[in-house]
PDB file of N, CA and C in Angstrom:
ATOM      1  N   MET A   1      44.642  -7.597-131.573  1.00  0.00           N
ATOM      2  CA  MET A   1      45.294  -6.767-132.503  1.00  0.00           C
ATOM      3  C   MET A   1      46.304  -7.539-132.356  1.00  0.00           C
ATOM      4  N   SER A   2      47.933  -7.631-133.731  1.00  0.00           N
ATOM      5  CA  SER A   2      48.756  -8.447-133.320  1.00  0.00           C
ATOM      6  C   SER A   2      50.027  -7.092-132.358  1.00  0.00           C
ATOM      7  N   LYS A   3      50.472  -7.406-131.973  1.00  0.00           N
ATOM      8  CA  LYS A   3      51.700  -6.108-131.654  1.00  0.00           C
ATOM      9  C   LYS A   3      53.030  -6.370-132.956  1.00  0.00           C
ATOM     10  N   ASN A   4      53.125  -6.725-133.249  1.00  0.00           N
ATOM     11  CA  ASN A   4      54.452  -7.014-134.583  1.00  0.00           C
ATOM     12  C   ASN A   4      53.977  -6.348-135.497  1.00  0.00           C
ATOM     13  N   LYS A   5      54.094  -5.558-135.863  1.00  0.00           N
ATOM     14  CA  LYS A   5      52.613  -4.879-137.361  1.00  0.00           C
ATOM     15  C   LYS A   5      54.378  -4.162-138.099  1.00  0.00           C
ATOM     16  N   ASN A   6      54.963  -4.884-138.725  1.00  0.00           N
ATOM     17  CA  ASN A   6      55.302  -5.082-139.681  1.00  0.00           C
ATOM     18  C   ASN A   6      54.830  -3.700-141.023  1.00  0.00           C
ATOM     19  N   VAL A   7      55.028  -3.057-141.767  1.00  0.00           N
ATOM     20  CA  VAL A   7      54.769  -2.537-143.266  1.00  0.00           C
ATOM     21  C   VAL A   7      54.945  -3.441-143.720  1.00  0.00           C
ATOM     22  N   LEU A   8      56.614  -4.135-144.030  1.00  0.00           N
ATOM     23  CA  LEU A   8      56.621  -5.378-145.102  1.00  0.00           C
ATOM     24  C   LEU A   8      57.220  -7.078-144.551  1.00  0.00           C
ATOM     25  N   PRO A   9      56.192  -7.391-144.343  1.00  0.00           N
ATOM     26  CA  PRO A   9      56.720  -9.134-143.580  1.00  0.00           C
ATOM     27  C   PRO A   9      57.814  -9.324-144.691  1.00  0.00           C
ATOM     28  N   MET A  10      58.924  -9.926-143.620  1.00  0.00           N
ATOM     29  CA  MET A  10      59.973 -10.758-144.468  1.00  0.00           C
ATOM     30  C   MET A  10      59.395 -12.131-144.833  1.00  0.00           C
ATOM     31  N   PRO A  11      59.956 -12.749-146.045  1.00  0.00           N
ATOM     32  CA  PRO A  11      60.104 -13.601-146.467  1.00  0.00           C
ATOM     33  C   PRO A  11      60.019 -15.308-145.561  1.00  0.00           C
ATOM     34  N   THR A  12      59.764 -15.871-145.961  1.00  0.00           N
ATOM     35  CA  THR A  12      60.249 -17.192-144.798  1.00  0.00           C
ATOM     36  C   THR A  12      60.288 -18.427-145.730  1.00  0.00           C
ATOM     37  N   GLY A  13      61.463 -18.747-145.942  1.00  0.00           N
ATOM     38  CA  GLY A  13      61.446 -20.283-146.023  1.00  0.00           C
ATOM     39  C   GLY A  13      62.298 -19.467-147.807  1.00  0.00           C
ATOM     40  N   SER A  14      63.339 -18.365-147.981  1.00  0.00           N
ATOM     41  CA  SER A  14      64.121 -17.914-148.647  1.00  0.00           C
ATOM     42  C   SER A  14      65.095 -19.112-148.404  1.00  0.00           C
ATOM     43  N   SER A  15      65.154 -18.591-150.443  1.00  0.00           N
ATOM     44  CA  SER A  15      66.319 -19.578-150.380  1.00  0.00           C
ATOM     45  C   SER A  15      67.369 -19.023-150.398  1.00  0.00           C
ATOM     46  N   ALA A  16      69.019 -20.049-150.428  1.00  0.00           N
ATOM     47  CA  ALA A  16      70.151 -19.180-149.743  1.00  0.00           C
ATOM     48  C   ALA A  16      71.180 -19.096-150.904  1.00  0.00           C
ATOM     49  N   LYS A  17      70.019 -19.443-152.369  1.00  0.00           N
ATOM     50  CA  LYS A  17      71.211 -19.177-153.370  1.00  0.00           C
ATOM     51  C   LYS A  17      71.433 -17.400-153.336  1.00  0.00           C
ATOM     52  N   PRO A  18      70.246 -16.443-153.092  1.00  0.00           N
ATOM     53  CA  PRO A  18      70.660 -15.231-153.791  1.00  0.00           C
ATOM     54  C   PRO A  18      71.471 -14.586-152.201  1.00  0.00           C
ATOM     55  N   LYS A  19      71.390 -15.656-151.189  1.00  0.00           N
ATOM     56  CA  LYS A  19      72.749 -14.780-150.103  1.00  0.00           C
ATOM     57  C   LYS A  19      73.811 -15.053-150.343  1.00  0.00           C
ATOM     58  N   ILE A  20      74.306 -16.782-151.312  1.00  0.00           N
ATOM     59  CA  ILE A  20      75.561 -16.803-151.660  1.00  0.00           C
ATOM     60  C   ILE A  20      75.592 -15.930-152.538  1.00  0.00           C
ATOM     61  N   ILE A  21      74.967 -15.864-153.772  1.00  0.00           N
ATOM     62  CA  ILE A  21      75.143 -15.031-154.771  1.00  0.00           C
ATOM     63  C   ILE A  21      76.175 -13.401-154.509  1.00  0.00           C
ATOM     64  N   GLY A  22      75.164 -13.059-153.722  1.00  0.00           N
ATOM     65  CA  GLY A  22      75.039 -11.337-152.629  1.00  0.00           C
ATOM     66  C   GLY A  22      76.578 -11.788-152.230  1.00  0.00           C
ATOM     67  N   THR A  23      76.946 -12.867-151.618  1.00  0.00           N
ATOM     68  CA  THR A  23      78.209 -12.653-150.681  1.00  0.00           C
ATOM     69  C   THR A  23      79.046 -12.763-151.666  1.00  0.00           C
ATOM     70  N   LEU A  24      79.211 -13.507-152.920  1.00  0.00           N
ATOM     71  CA  LEU A  24      80.744 -13.736-153.429  1.00  0.00           C
ATOM     72  C   LEU A  24      80.264 -12.194-154.611  1.00  0.00           C
ATOM     73  N   VAL A  25      79.550 -12.067-154.844  1.00  0.00           N
ATOM     74  CA  VAL A  25      79.512 -10.279-155.139  1.00  0.00           C
ATOM     75  C   VAL A  25      80.597  -9.871-154.594  1.00  0.00           C
ATOM     76  N   THR A  26      79.824  -9.561-152.777  1.00  0.00           N
ATOM     77  CA  THR A  26      80.500  -8.397-152.192  1.00  0.00           C
ATOM     78  C   THR A  26      81.987  -9.078-151.863  1.00  0.00           C
ATOM     79  N   LEU A  27      82.168 -10.133-151.919  1.00  0.00           N
ATOM     80  CA  LEU A  27      84.278 -10.537-151.620  1.00  0.00           C
ATOM     81  C   LEU A  27      84.906 -10.331-153.261  1.00  0.00           C
ATOM     82  N   GLY A  28      83.837 -10.483-153.956  1.00  0.00           N
ATOM     83  CA  GLY A  28      84.687 -10.206-154.984  1.00  0.00           C
ATOM     84  C   GLY A  28      84.683  -8.452-155.168  1.00  0.00           C
ATOM     85  N   LEU A  29      84.048  -7.808-155.139  1.00  0.00           N
ATOM     86  CA  LEU A  29      84.131  -6.522-155.174  1.00  0.00           C
ATOM     87  C   LEU A  29      85.480  -6.233-154.137  1.00  0.00           C
ATOM     88  N   LEU A  30      85.027  -6.401-152.872  1.00  0.00           N
ATOM     89  CA  LEU A  30      86.131  -6.384-151.677  1.00  0.00           C
ATOM     90  C   LEU A  30      87.551  -6.810-152.256  1.00  0.00           C
ATOM     91  N   VAL A  31      87.745  -7.820-152.636  1.00  0.00           N
ATOM     92  CA  VAL A  31      88.790  -8.484-153.631  1.00  0.00           C
ATOM     93  C   VAL A  31      89.806  -7.548-154.135  1.00  0.00           C
ATOM     94  N   PHE A  32      88.851  -6.737-155.103  1.00  0.00           N
ATOM     95  CA  PHE A  32      88.727  -5.770-156.427  1.00  0.00           C
ATOM     96  C   PHE A  32      89.313  -4.601-155.493  1.00  0.00           C
ATOM     97  N   VAL A  33      88.495  -3.969-154.618  1.00  0.00           N
ATOM     98  CA  VAL A  33      89.236  -2.813-153.823  1.00  0.00           C
ATOM     99  C   VAL A  33      90.513  -2.924-153.107  1.00  0.00           C
ATOM    100  N   VAL A  34      90.630  -4.083-152.526  1.00  0.00           N
ATOM    101  CA  VAL A  34      92.130  -3.825-152.069  1.00  0.00           C
ATOM    102  C   VAL A  34      93.826  -4.620-152.667  1.00  0.00           C
ATOM    103  N   LYS A  35      93.097  -5.831-153.813  1.00  0.00           N
ATOM    104  CA  LYS A  35      94.164  -5.673-155.095  1.00  0.00           C
ATOM    105  C   LYS A  35      93.979  -4.473-155.491  1.00  0.00           C
ATOM    106  N   TYR A  36      93.112  -3.732-156.033  1.00  0.00           N
ATOM    107  CA  TYR A  36      93.645  -2.562-156.985  1.00  0.00           C
ATOM    108  C   TYR A  36      92.790  -1.284-157.094  1.00  0.00           C
ATOM    109  N   PRO A  37      93.655  -0.897-155.871  1.00  0.00           N
ATOM    110  CA  PRO A  37      92.952   0.287-155.234  1.00  0.00           C
ATOM    111  C   PRO A  37      92.753   1.770-156.420  1.00  0.00           C
ATOM    112  N   GLY A  38      93.323   1.689-157.234  1.00  0.00           N
ATOM    113  CA  GLY A  38      93.608   2.819-158.144  1.00  0.00           C
ATOM    114  C   GLY A  38      92.826   2.132-159.588  1.00  0.00           C
ATOM    115  N   GLU A  39      91.876   1.813-159.677  1.00  0.00           N
ATOM    116  CA  GLU A  39      91.419   0.747-160.909  1.00  0.00           C
ATOM    117  C   GLU A  39      90.196   0.893-160.900  1.00  0.00           C
ATOM    118  N   ALA A  40      90.319   0.737-159.001  1.00  0.00           N
ATOM    119  CA  ALA A  40      88.500   0.887-158.405  1.00  0.00           C
ATOM    120  C   ALA A  40      88.658   1.796-158.234  1.00  0.00           C
ATOM    121  N   ALA A  41      89.311   3.281-158.301  1.00  0.00           N
ATOM    122  CA  ALA A  41      88.055   4.289-157.326  1.00  0.00           C
ATOM    123  C   ALA A  41      88.457   5.109-159.134  1.00  0.00           C
ATOM    124  N   GLU A  42      88.852   4.673-159.794  1.00  0.00           N
ATOM    125  CA  GLU A  42      88.739   5.051-161.287  1.00  0.00           C
ATOM    126  C   GLU A  42      87.143   4.309-162.064  1.00  0.00           C
ATOM    127  N   ALA A  43      87.057   2.906-161.191  1.00  0.00           N
ATOM    128  CA  ALA A  43      85.678   2.770-161.831  1.00  0.00           C
ATOM    129  C   ALA A  43      84.465   3.209-160.820  1.00  0.00           C
ATOM    130  N   ALA A  44      84.735   3.483-160.191  1.00  0.00           N
ATOM    131  CA  ALA A  44      83.794   4.152-159.028  1.00  0.00           C
ATOM    132  C   ALA A  44      83.697   5.121-159.423  1.00  0.00           C
ATOM    133  N   LYS A  45      84.343   5.991-160.050  1.00  0.00           N
ATOM    134  CA  LYS A  45      84.222   7.270-160.949  1.00  0.00           C
ATOM    135  C   LYS A  45      83.533   7.438-161.765  1.00  0.00           C
ATOM    136  N   GLY A  46      83.802   6.915-162.672  1.00  0.00           N
ATOM    137  CA  GLY A  46      83.163   6.217-163.804  1.00  0.00           C
ATOM    138  C   GLY A  46      81.809   5.909-163.758  1.00  0.00           C
ATOM    139  N   LEU A  47      81.168   5.328-163.041  1.00  0.00           N
ATOM    140  CA  LEU A  47      80.102   4.764-162.900  1.00  0.00           C
ATOM    141  C   LEU A  47      79.144   5.974-162.265  1.00  0.00           C
ATOM    142  N   LEU A  48      79.690   7.309-161.156  1.00  0.00           N
ATOM    143  CA  LEU A  48      79.233   8.130-160.603  1.00  0.00           C
ATOM    144  C   LEU A  48      79.089   8.827-161.987  1.00  0.00           C
ATOM    145  N   GLY A  49      80.081   8.993-162.779  1.00  0.00           N
ATOM    146  CA  GLY A  49      80.390  10.194-163.719  1.00  0.00           C
ATOM    147  C   GLY A  49      79.107   9.269-164.852  1.00  0.00           C
ATOM    148  N   MET A  50      78.766   8.105-164.797  1.00  0.00           N
ATOM    149  CA  MET A  50      77.177   7.391-165.578  1.00  0.00           C
ATOM    150  C   MET A  50      75.940   7.750-165.155  1.00  0.00           C
ATOM    151  N   PHE A  51      75.997   7.857-163.762  1.00  0.00           N
ATOM    152  CA  PHE A  51      74.880   8.147-162.928  1.00  0.00           C
ATOM    153  C   PHE A  51      74.863   9.617-163.102  1.00  0.00           C
ATOM    154  N   GLU A  52      75.804  10.825-162.962  1.00  0.00           N
ATOM    155  CA  GLU A  52      75.643  12.047-162.917  1.00  0.00           C
ATOM    156  C   GLU A  52      74.888  12.391-164.150  1.00  0.00           C
ATOM    157  N   THR A  53      75.602  11.973-165.732  1.00  0.00           N
ATOM    158  CA  THR A  53      75.166  11.816-167.071  1.00  0.00           C
ATOM    159  C   THR A  53      73.252  11.902-166.881  1.00  0.00           C
ATOM    160  N   VAL A  54      72.729  10.633-166.503  1.00  0.00           N
ATOM    161  CA  VAL A  54      71.500  10.181-166.347  1.00  0.00           C
ATOM    162  C   VAL A  54      71.212  11.230-165.347  1.00  0.00           C
ATOM    163  N   VAL A  55      71.022  11.505-164.947  1.00  0.00           N
ATOM    164  CA  VAL A  55      69.957  12.041-163.924  1.00  0.00           C
ATOM    165  C   VAL A  55      69.913  13.594-164.462  1.00  0.00           C
ATOM    166  N   GLU A  56      71.439  14.223-165.372  1.00  0.00           N
ATOM    167  CA  GLU A  56      70.700  15.378-165.857  1.00  0.00           C
ATOM    168  C   GLU A  56      70.589  15.165-167.287  1.00  0.00           C
ATOM    169  N   GLY A  57      69.943  14.538-167.674  1.00  0.00           N
ATOM    170  CA  GLY A  57      69.421  14.342-169.135  1.00  0.00           C
ATOM    171  C   GLY A  57      68.392  13.626-168.698  1.00  0.00           C
ATOM    172  N   ILE A  58      67.409  13.310-167.090  1.00  0.00           N
ATOM    173  CA  ILE A  58      65.580  12.956-166.765  1.00  0.00           C
ATOM    174  C   ILE A  58      65.962  14.422-166.380  1.00  0.00           C
ATOM    175  N   ALA A  59      66.636  15.018-165.567  1.00  0.00           N
ATOM    176  CA  ALA A  59      66.350  16.386-165.111  1.00  0.00           C
ATOM    177  C   ALA A  59      65.912  17.524-166.579  1.00  0.00           C
ATOM    178  N   GLY A  60      66.746  17.511-167.410  1.00  0.00           N
ATOM    179  CA  GLY A  60      66.784  18.126-168.901  1.00  0.00           C
ATOM    180  C   GLY A  60      65.655  17.954-169.456  1.00  0.00           C
ATOM    181  N   PHE A  61      64.703  16.802-169.163  1.00  0.00           N
ATOM    182  CA  PHE A  61      63.865  16.114-169.863  1.00  0.00           C
ATOM    183  C   PHE A  61      62.664  16.482-169.356  1.00  0.00           C
ATOM    184  N   ILE A  62      62.740  16.603-168.381  1.00  0.00           N
ATOM    185  CA  ILE A  62      61.429  17.390-166.940  1.00  0.00           C
ATOM    186  C   ILE A  62      61.481  18.864-167.292  1.00  0.00           C
ATOM    187  N   ARG A  63      62.670  19.946-167.350  1.00  0.00           N
ATOM    188  CA  ARG A  63      62.813  20.537-168.107  1.00  0.00           C
ATOM    189  C   ARG A  63      62.248  21.282-169.241  1.00  0.00           C
ATOM    190  N   GLN A  64      62.192  20.267-169.716  1.00  0.00           N
ATOM    191  CA  GLN A  64      61.593  20.320-171.465  1.00  0.00           C
ATOM    192  C   GLN A  64      59.827  20.124-171.394  1.00  0.00           C
ATOM    193  N   LEU A  65      59.698  19.528-170.463  1.00  0.00           N
ATOM    194  CA  LEU A  65      58.360  19.237-170.399  1.00  0.00           C
ATOM    195  C   LEU A  65      57.734  20.488-169.650  1.00  0.00           C
ATOM    196  N   ALA A  66      58.251  21.235-169.063  1.00  0.00           N
ATOM    197  CA  ALA A  66      56.987  22.149-168.138  1.00  0.00           C
ATOM    198  C   ALA A  66      57.205  23.424-169.146  1.00  0.00           C
TER     199      ALA A  66
END
């Protein structure tokens, strides 16, 4: 039996395109946060508020099922 027991084996030969896109998105977000910290904070608050609304809606739906 093999000593390397990965639950999810890593794919081999993956394309560089997702890594490049991920790096560019990360750099873009970092530039946005450094250049416009107030706007970045407001955007983060807005996203968290939307997430909270979704979670509350799902919780309310589940409560109605019970």
